[in-house]
Amino acid sequence: MVTKKSKKTVWPKVTRGNHLTVRTYEDGHTELEWDDDALLLEINTAIAVYLAKQKSKHWEKYGIKERK
């Protein structure tokens, strides 16, 4: 015999991101939990990508293939 699970809302509702976890409680109260290490890693990665693109553009401007 197959029975359906009752759909109960589980509180608090948790939403996880790369560097932020949001907990929303039944009364509307919200808590934010930051993961500083993950945030710092994302920022450093974004900076490194930006700098690599700028370096590439610099060499292309003068018609020189990028040095390795």
PDB file of N, CA and C in Angstrom:
ATOM      1  N   MET A   1       0.839  -1.167   0.000  1.00  0.00           N
ATOM      2  CA  MET A   1       0.000   0.000   0.000  1.00  0.00           C
ATOM      3  C   MET A   1       0.895   1.245   0.000  1.00  0.00           C
ATOM      4  N   VAL A   2       0.625   2.146  -0.906  1.00  0.00           N
ATOM      5  CA  VAL A   2       1.411   3.361  -1.058  1.00  0.00           C
ATOM      6  C   VAL A   2       0.691   4.501  -0.360  1.00  0.00           C
ATOM      7  N   THR A   3       1.452   5.210   0.454  1.00  0.00           N
ATOM      8  CA  THR A   3       0.879   6.374   1.127  1.00  0.00           C
ATOM      9  C   THR A   3       1.666   7.609   0.736  1.00  0.00           C
ATOM     10  N   LYS A   4       1.002   8.722   0.704  1.00  0.00           N
ATOM     11  CA  LYS A   4       1.666   9.982   0.386  1.00  0.00           C
ATOM     12  C   LYS A   4       2.250  10.580   1.652  1.00  0.00           C
ATOM     13  N   LYS A   5       3.416  11.185   1.488  1.00  0.00           N
ATOM     14  CA  LYS A   5       3.992  11.914   2.611  1.00  0.00           C
ATOM     15  C   LYS A   5       3.244  13.223   2.780  1.00  0.00           C
ATOM     16  N   SER A   6       3.021  13.578   4.000  1.00  0.00           N
ATOM     17  CA  SER A   6       2.377  14.870   4.229  1.00  0.00           C
ATOM     18  C   SER A   6       3.404  15.965   3.971  1.00  0.00           C
ATOM     19  N   LYS A   7       2.961  17.023   3.348  1.00  0.00           N
ATOM     20  CA  LYS A   7       3.868  18.123   3.023  1.00  0.00           C
ATOM     21  C   LYS A   7       3.892  19.093   4.193  1.00  0.00           C
ATOM     22  N   LYS A   8       4.858  18.897   5.051  1.00  0.00           N
ATOM     23  CA  LYS A   8       5.018  19.797   6.193  1.00  0.00           C
ATOM     24  C   LYS A   8       6.083  20.825   5.846  1.00  0.00           C
ATOM     25  N   THR A   9       5.839  22.045   6.243  1.00  0.00           N
ATOM     26  CA  THR A   9       6.834  23.085   6.049  1.00  0.00           C
ATOM     27  C   THR A   9       7.839  22.991   7.186  1.00  0.00           C
ATOM     28  N   VAL A  10       9.085  22.890   6.807  1.00  0.00           N
ATOM     29  CA  VAL A  10      10.155  22.775   7.796  1.00  0.00           C
ATOM     30  C   VAL A  10      10.713  24.164   8.072  1.00  0.00           C
ATOM     31  N   TRP A  11      10.739  24.528   9.332  1.00  0.00           N
ATOM     32  CA  TRP A  11      11.280  25.824   9.746  1.00  0.00           C
ATOM     33  C   TRP A  11      12.534  25.619  10.543  1.00  0.00           C
ATOM     34  N   PRO A  12      13.530  26.400  10.430  1.00  0.00           N
ATOM     35  CA  PRO A  12      13.649  27.527   9.523  1.00  0.00           C
ATOM     36  C   PRO A  12      13.955  27.062   8.097  1.00  0.00           C
ATOM     37  N   LYS A  13      13.567  27.889   7.140  1.00  0.00           N
ATOM     38  CA  LYS A  13      13.908  27.625   5.741  1.00  0.00           C
ATOM     39  C   LYS A  13      15.335  28.109   5.542  1.00  0.00           C
ATOM     40  N   VAL A  14      16.156  27.256   4.957  1.00  0.00           N
ATOM     41  CA  VAL A  14      17.573  27.573   4.785  1.00  0.00           C
ATOM     42  C   VAL A  14      17.888  27.668   3.293  1.00  0.00           C
ATOM     43  N   THR A  15      18.506  28.776   2.908  1.00  0.00           N
ATOM     44  CA  THR A  15      18.971  28.976   1.543  1.00  0.00           C
ATOM     45  C   THR A  15      20.475  29.159   1.608  1.00  0.00           C
ATOM     46  N   ARG A  16      21.198  28.265   0.928  1.00  0.00           N
ATOM     47  CA  ARG A  16      22.659  28.311   0.956  1.00  0.00           C
ATOM     48  C   ARG A  16      23.192  28.810  -0.374  1.00  0.00           C
ATOM     49  N   GLY A  17      24.141  29.726  -0.285  1.00  0.00           N
ATOM     50  CA  GLY A  17      24.832  30.233  -1.463  1.00  0.00           C
ATOM     51  C   GLY A  17      26.301  29.893  -1.342  1.00  0.00           C
ATOM     52  N   ASN A  18      27.110  30.472  -2.194  1.00  0.00           N
ATOM     53  CA  ASN A  18      28.548  30.206  -2.143  1.00  0.00           C
ATOM     54  C   ASN A  18      29.191  30.742  -0.870  1.00  0.00           C
ATOM     55  N   HIS A  19      28.779  31.918  -0.457  1.00  0.00           N
ATOM     56  CA  HIS A  19      29.399  32.525   0.714  1.00  0.00           C
ATOM     57  C   HIS A  19      28.390  33.088   1.705  1.00  0.00           C
ATOM     58  N   LEU A  20      27.115  32.795   1.499  1.00  0.00           N
ATOM     59  CA  LEU A  20      26.090  33.318   2.396  1.00  0.00           C
ATOM     60  C   LEU A  20      25.004  32.270   2.620  1.00  0.00           C
ATOM     61  N   THR A  21      24.631  32.090   3.884  1.00  0.00           N
ATOM     62  CA  THR A  21      23.519  31.215   4.243  1.00  0.00           C
ATOM     63  C   THR A  21      22.442  32.077   4.882  1.00  0.00           C
ATOM     64  N   VAL A  22      21.212  31.944   4.384  1.00  0.00           N
ATOM     65  CA  VAL A  22      20.087  32.730   4.891  1.00  0.00           C
ATOM     66  C   VAL A  22      19.103  31.779   5.562  1.00  0.00           C
ATOM     67  N   ARG A  23      18.783  32.061   6.815  1.00  0.00           N
ATOM     68  CA  ARG A  23      17.784  31.290   7.546  1.00  0.00           C
ATOM     69  C   ARG A  23      16.579  32.189   7.785  1.00  0.00           C
ATOM     70  N   THR A  24      15.409  31.740   7.303  1.00  0.00           N
ATOM     71  CA  THR A  24      14.177  32.495   7.482  1.00  0.00           C
ATOM     72  C   THR A  24      13.268  31.694   8.394  1.00  0.00           C
ATOM     73  N   TYR A  25      12.824  32.317   9.470  1.00  0.00           N
ATOM     74  CA  TYR A  25      11.978  31.649  10.458  1.00  0.00           C
ATOM     75  C   TYR A  25      10.512  31.950  10.192  1.00  0.00           C
ATOM     76  N   GLU A  26       9.666  31.162  10.794  1.00  0.00           N
ATOM     77  CA  GLU A  26       8.227  31.242  10.589  1.00  0.00           C
ATOM     78  C   GLU A  26       7.662  32.627  10.913  1.00  0.00           C
ATOM     79  N   ASP A  27       8.256  33.288  11.904  1.00  0.00           N
ATOM     80  CA  ASP A  27       7.762  34.616  12.295  1.00  0.00           C
ATOM     81  C   ASP A  27       8.303  35.743  11.403  1.00  0.00           C
ATOM     82  N   GLY A  28       9.089  35.383  10.360  1.00  0.00           N
ATOM     83  CA  GLY A  28       9.627  36.375   9.441  1.00  0.00           C
ATOM     84  C   GLY A  28      11.032  36.833   9.780  1.00  0.00           C
ATOM     85  N   HIS A  29      11.536  36.404  10.933  1.00  0.00           N
ATOM     86  CA  HIS A  29      12.897  36.748  11.362  1.00  0.00           C
ATOM     87  C   HIS A  29      13.897  36.102  10.407  1.00  0.00           C
ATOM     88  N   THR A  30      14.913  36.848  10.011  1.00  0.00           N
ATOM     89  CA  THR A  30      15.918  36.349   9.076  1.00  0.00           C
ATOM     90  C   THR A  30      17.305  36.473   9.692  1.00  0.00           C
ATOM     91  N   GLU A  31      18.114  35.431   9.530  1.00  0.00           N
ATOM     92  CA  GLU A  31      19.509  35.452   9.983  1.00  0.00           C
ATOM     93  C   GLU A  31      20.409  35.216   8.781  1.00  0.00           C
ATOM     94  N   LEU A  32      21.495  35.985   8.717  1.00  0.00           N
ATOM     95  CA  LEU A  32      22.490  35.832   7.659  1.00  0.00           C
ATOM     96  C   LEU A  32      23.769  35.296   8.268  1.00  0.00           C
ATOM     97  N   GLU A  33      24.352  34.292   7.625  1.00  0.00           N
ATOM     98  CA  GLU A  33      25.614  33.729   8.090  1.00  0.00           C
ATOM     99  C   GLU A  33      26.604  33.769   6.931  1.00  0.00           C
ATOM    100  N   TRP A  34      27.647  34.573   7.083  1.00  0.00           N
ATOM    101  CA  TRP A  34      28.645  34.747   6.039  1.00  0.00           C
ATOM    102  C   TRP A  34      29.776  33.746   6.200  1.00  0.00           C
ATOM    103  N   ASP A  35      30.251  33.219   5.084  1.00  0.00           N
ATOM    104  CA  ASP A  35      31.444  32.370   5.070  1.00  0.00           C
ATOM    105  C   ASP A  35      32.569  33.242   4.518  1.00  0.00           C
ATOM    106  N   ASP A  36      33.344  33.837   5.421  1.00  0.00           N
ATOM    107  CA  ASP A  36      34.372  34.795   5.026  1.00  0.00           C
ATOM    108  C   ASP A  36      35.424  34.194   4.103  1.00  0.00           C
ATOM    109  N   ASP A  37      35.818  32.958   4.356  1.00  0.00           N
ATOM    110  CA  ASP A  37      36.842  32.325   3.522  1.00  0.00           C
ATOM    111  C   ASP A  37      36.357  32.141   2.084  1.00  0.00           C
ATOM    112  N   ALA A  38      35.114  31.706   1.918  1.00  0.00           N
ATOM    113  CA  ALA A  38      34.554  31.523   0.578  1.00  0.00           C
ATOM    114  C   ALA A  38      34.402  32.863  -0.133  1.00  0.00           C
ATOM    115  N   LEU A  39      33.985  33.894   0.591  1.00  0.00           N
ATOM    116  CA  LEU A  39      33.838  35.223   0.008  1.00  0.00           C
ATOM    117  C   LEU A  39      35.195  35.755  -0.449  1.00  0.00           C
ATOM    118  N   LEU A  40      36.206  35.607   0.379  1.00  0.00           N
ATOM    119  CA  LEU A  40      37.543  36.065   0.029  1.00  0.00           C
ATOM    120  C   LEU A  40      38.076  35.316  -1.192  1.00  0.00           C
ATOM    121  N   LEU A  41      37.821  34.021  -1.272  1.00  0.00           N
ATOM    122  CA  LEU A  41      38.250  33.229  -2.419  1.00  0.00           C
ATOM    123  C   LEU A  41      37.574  33.726  -3.697  1.00  0.00           C
ATOM    124  N   GLU A  42      36.274  34.014  -3.640  1.00  0.00           N
ATOM    125  CA  GLU A  42      35.561  34.526  -4.808  1.00  0.00           C
ATOM    126  C   GLU A  42      36.117  35.875  -5.253  1.00  0.00           C
ATOM    127  N   ILE A  43      36.407  36.743  -4.300  1.00  0.00           N
ATOM    128  CA  ILE A  43      36.938  38.068  -4.621  1.00  0.00           C
ATOM    129  C   ILE A  43      38.317  37.941  -5.258  1.00  0.00           C
ATOM    130  N   ASN A  44      39.180  37.123  -4.673  1.00  0.00           N
ATOM    131  CA  ASN A  44      40.525  36.942  -5.224  1.00  0.00           C
ATOM    132  C   ASN A  44      40.484  36.335  -6.619  1.00  0.00           C
ATOM    133  N   THR A  45      39.582  35.398  -6.851  1.00  0.00           N
ATOM    134  CA  THR A  45      39.434  34.790  -8.173  1.00  0.00           C
ATOM    135  C   THR A  45      38.977  35.828  -9.189  1.00  0.00           C
ATOM    136  N   ALA A  46      38.002  36.644  -8.806  1.00  0.00           N
ATOM    137  CA  ALA A  46      37.499  37.686  -9.710  1.00  0.00           C
ATOM    138  C   ALA A  46      38.595  38.690 -10.054  1.00  0.00           C
ATOM    139  N   ILE A  47      39.399  39.067  -9.085  1.00  0.00           N
ATOM    140  CA  ILE A  47      40.501  40.001  -9.332  1.00  0.00           C
ATOM    141  C   ILE A  47      41.526  39.386 -10.269  1.00  0.00           C
ATOM    142  N   ALA A  48      41.865  38.117 -10.038  1.00  0.00           N
ATOM    143  CA  ALA A  48      42.854  37.436 -10.879  1.00  0.00           C
ATOM    144  C   ALA A  48      42.363  37.333 -12.333  1.00  0.00           C
ATOM    145  N   VAL A  49      41.101  37.022 -12.526  1.00  0.00           N
ATOM    146  CA  VAL A  49      40.541  36.940 -13.877  1.00  0.00           C
ATOM    147  C   VAL A  49      40.577  38.308 -14.551  1.00  0.00           C
ATOM    148  N   TYR A  50      40.190  39.337 -13.818  1.00  0.00           N
ATOM    149  CA  TYR A  50      40.204  40.698 -14.358  1.00  0.00           C
ATOM    150  C   TYR A  50      41.618  41.101 -14.776  1.00  0.00           C
ATOM    151  N   LEU A  51      42.596  40.867 -13.910  1.00  0.00           N
ATOM    152  CA  LEU A  51      43.971  41.246 -14.218  1.00  0.00           C
ATOM    153  C   LEU A  51      44.518  40.473 -15.417  1.00  0.00           C
ATOM    154  N   ALA A  52      44.160  39.194 -15.531  1.00  0.00           N
ATOM    155  CA  ALA A  52      44.605  38.388 -16.666  1.00  0.00           C
ATOM    156  C   ALA A  52      44.027  38.941 -17.976  1.00  0.00           C
ATOM    157  N   LYS A  53      42.756  39.362 -17.950  1.00  0.00           N
ATOM    158  CA  LYS A  53      42.139  39.935 -19.150  1.00  0.00           C
ATOM    159  C   LYS A  53      42.805  41.256 -19.517  1.00  0.00           C
ATOM    160  N   GLN A  54      43.114  42.075 -18.513  1.00  0.00           N
ATOM    161  CA  GLN A  54      43.764  43.357 -18.778  1.00  0.00           C
ATOM    162  C   GLN A  54      45.149  43.147 -19.381  1.00  0.00           C
ATOM    163  N   LYS A  55      45.878  42.175 -18.864  1.00  0.00           N
ATOM    164  CA  LYS A  55      47.220  41.871 -19.377  1.00  0.00           C
ATOM    165  C   LYS A  55      47.123  41.414 -20.824  1.00  0.00           C
ATOM    166  N   SER A  56      46.150  40.562 -21.110  1.00  0.00           N
ATOM    167  CA  SER A  56      45.960  40.061 -22.462  1.00  0.00           C
ATOM    168  C   SER A  56      45.621  41.203 -23.418  1.00  0.00           C
ATOM    169  N   LYS A  57      44.750  42.103 -22.992  1.00  0.00           N
ATOM    170  CA  LYS A  57      44.373  43.246 -23.824  1.00  0.00           C
ATOM    171  C   LYS A  57      45.581  44.137 -24.099  1.00  0.00           C
ATOM    172  N   HIS A  58      46.439  44.291 -23.105  1.00  0.00           N
ATOM    173  CA  HIS A  58      47.630  45.133 -23.244  1.00  0.00           C
ATOM    174  C   HIS A  58      48.519  44.603 -24.360  1.00  0.00           C
ATOM    175  N   TRP A  59      48.787  43.313 -24.366  1.00  0.00           N
ATOM    176  CA  TRP A  59      49.669  42.737 -25.375  1.00  0.00           C
ATOM    177  C   TRP A  59      49.015  42.747 -26.749  1.00  0.00           C
ATOM    178  N   GLU A  60      47.700  42.519 -26.815  1.00  0.00           N
ATOM    179  CA  GLU A  60      46.994  42.534 -28.102  1.00  0.00           C
ATOM    180  C   GLU A  60      47.014  43.922 -28.715  1.00  0.00           C
ATOM    181  N   LYS A  61      47.023  44.943 -27.868  1.00  0.00           N
ATOM    182  CA  LYS A  61      47.028  46.326 -28.334  1.00  0.00           C
ATOM    183  C   LYS A  61      48.251  46.599 -29.206  1.00  0.00           C
ATOM    184  N   TYR A  62      49.363  45.972 -28.873  1.00  0.00           N
ATOM    185  CA  TYR A  62      50.600  46.186 -29.608  1.00  0.00           C
ATOM    186  C   TYR A  62      50.881  45.070 -30.616  1.00  0.00           C
ATOM    187  N   GLY A  63      49.926  44.204 -30.840  1.00  0.00           N
ATOM    188  CA  GLY A  63      50.067  43.128 -31.821  1.00  0.00           C
ATOM    189  C   GLY A  63      51.084  42.069 -31.414  1.00  0.00           C
ATOM    190  N   ILE A  64      51.302  41.935 -30.113  1.00  0.00           N
ATOM    191  CA  ILE A  64      52.269  40.958 -29.601  1.00  0.00           C
ATOM    192  C   ILE A  64      51.501  39.834 -28.921  1.00  0.00           C
ATOM    193  N   LYS A  65      51.904  38.614 -29.220  1.00  0.00           N
ATOM    194  CA  LYS A  65      51.277  37.500 -28.517  1.00  0.00           C
ATOM    195  C   LYS A  65      51.716  37.546 -27.062  1.00  0.00           C
ATOM    196  N   GLU A  66      50.811  37.131 -26.199  1.00  0.00           N
ATOM    197  CA  GLU A  66      51.082  37.201 -24.760  1.00  0.00           C
ATOM    198  C   GLU A  66      52.274  36.350 -24.382  1.00  0.00           C
ATOM    199  N   ARG A  67      53.115  36.888 -23.540  1.00  0.00           N
ATOM    200  CA  ARG A  67      54.268  36.153 -23.026  1.00  0.00           C
ATOM    201  C   ARG A  67      53.810  35.098 -22.039  1.00  0.00           C
ATOM    202  N   LYS A  68      54.583  34.059 -21.944  1.00  0.00           N
ATOM    203  CA  LYS A  68      54.232  33.008 -20.991  1.00  0.00           C
ATOM    204  C   LYS A  68      55.292  32.826 -19.956  1.00  0.00           C
TER     205      LYS A  68
END
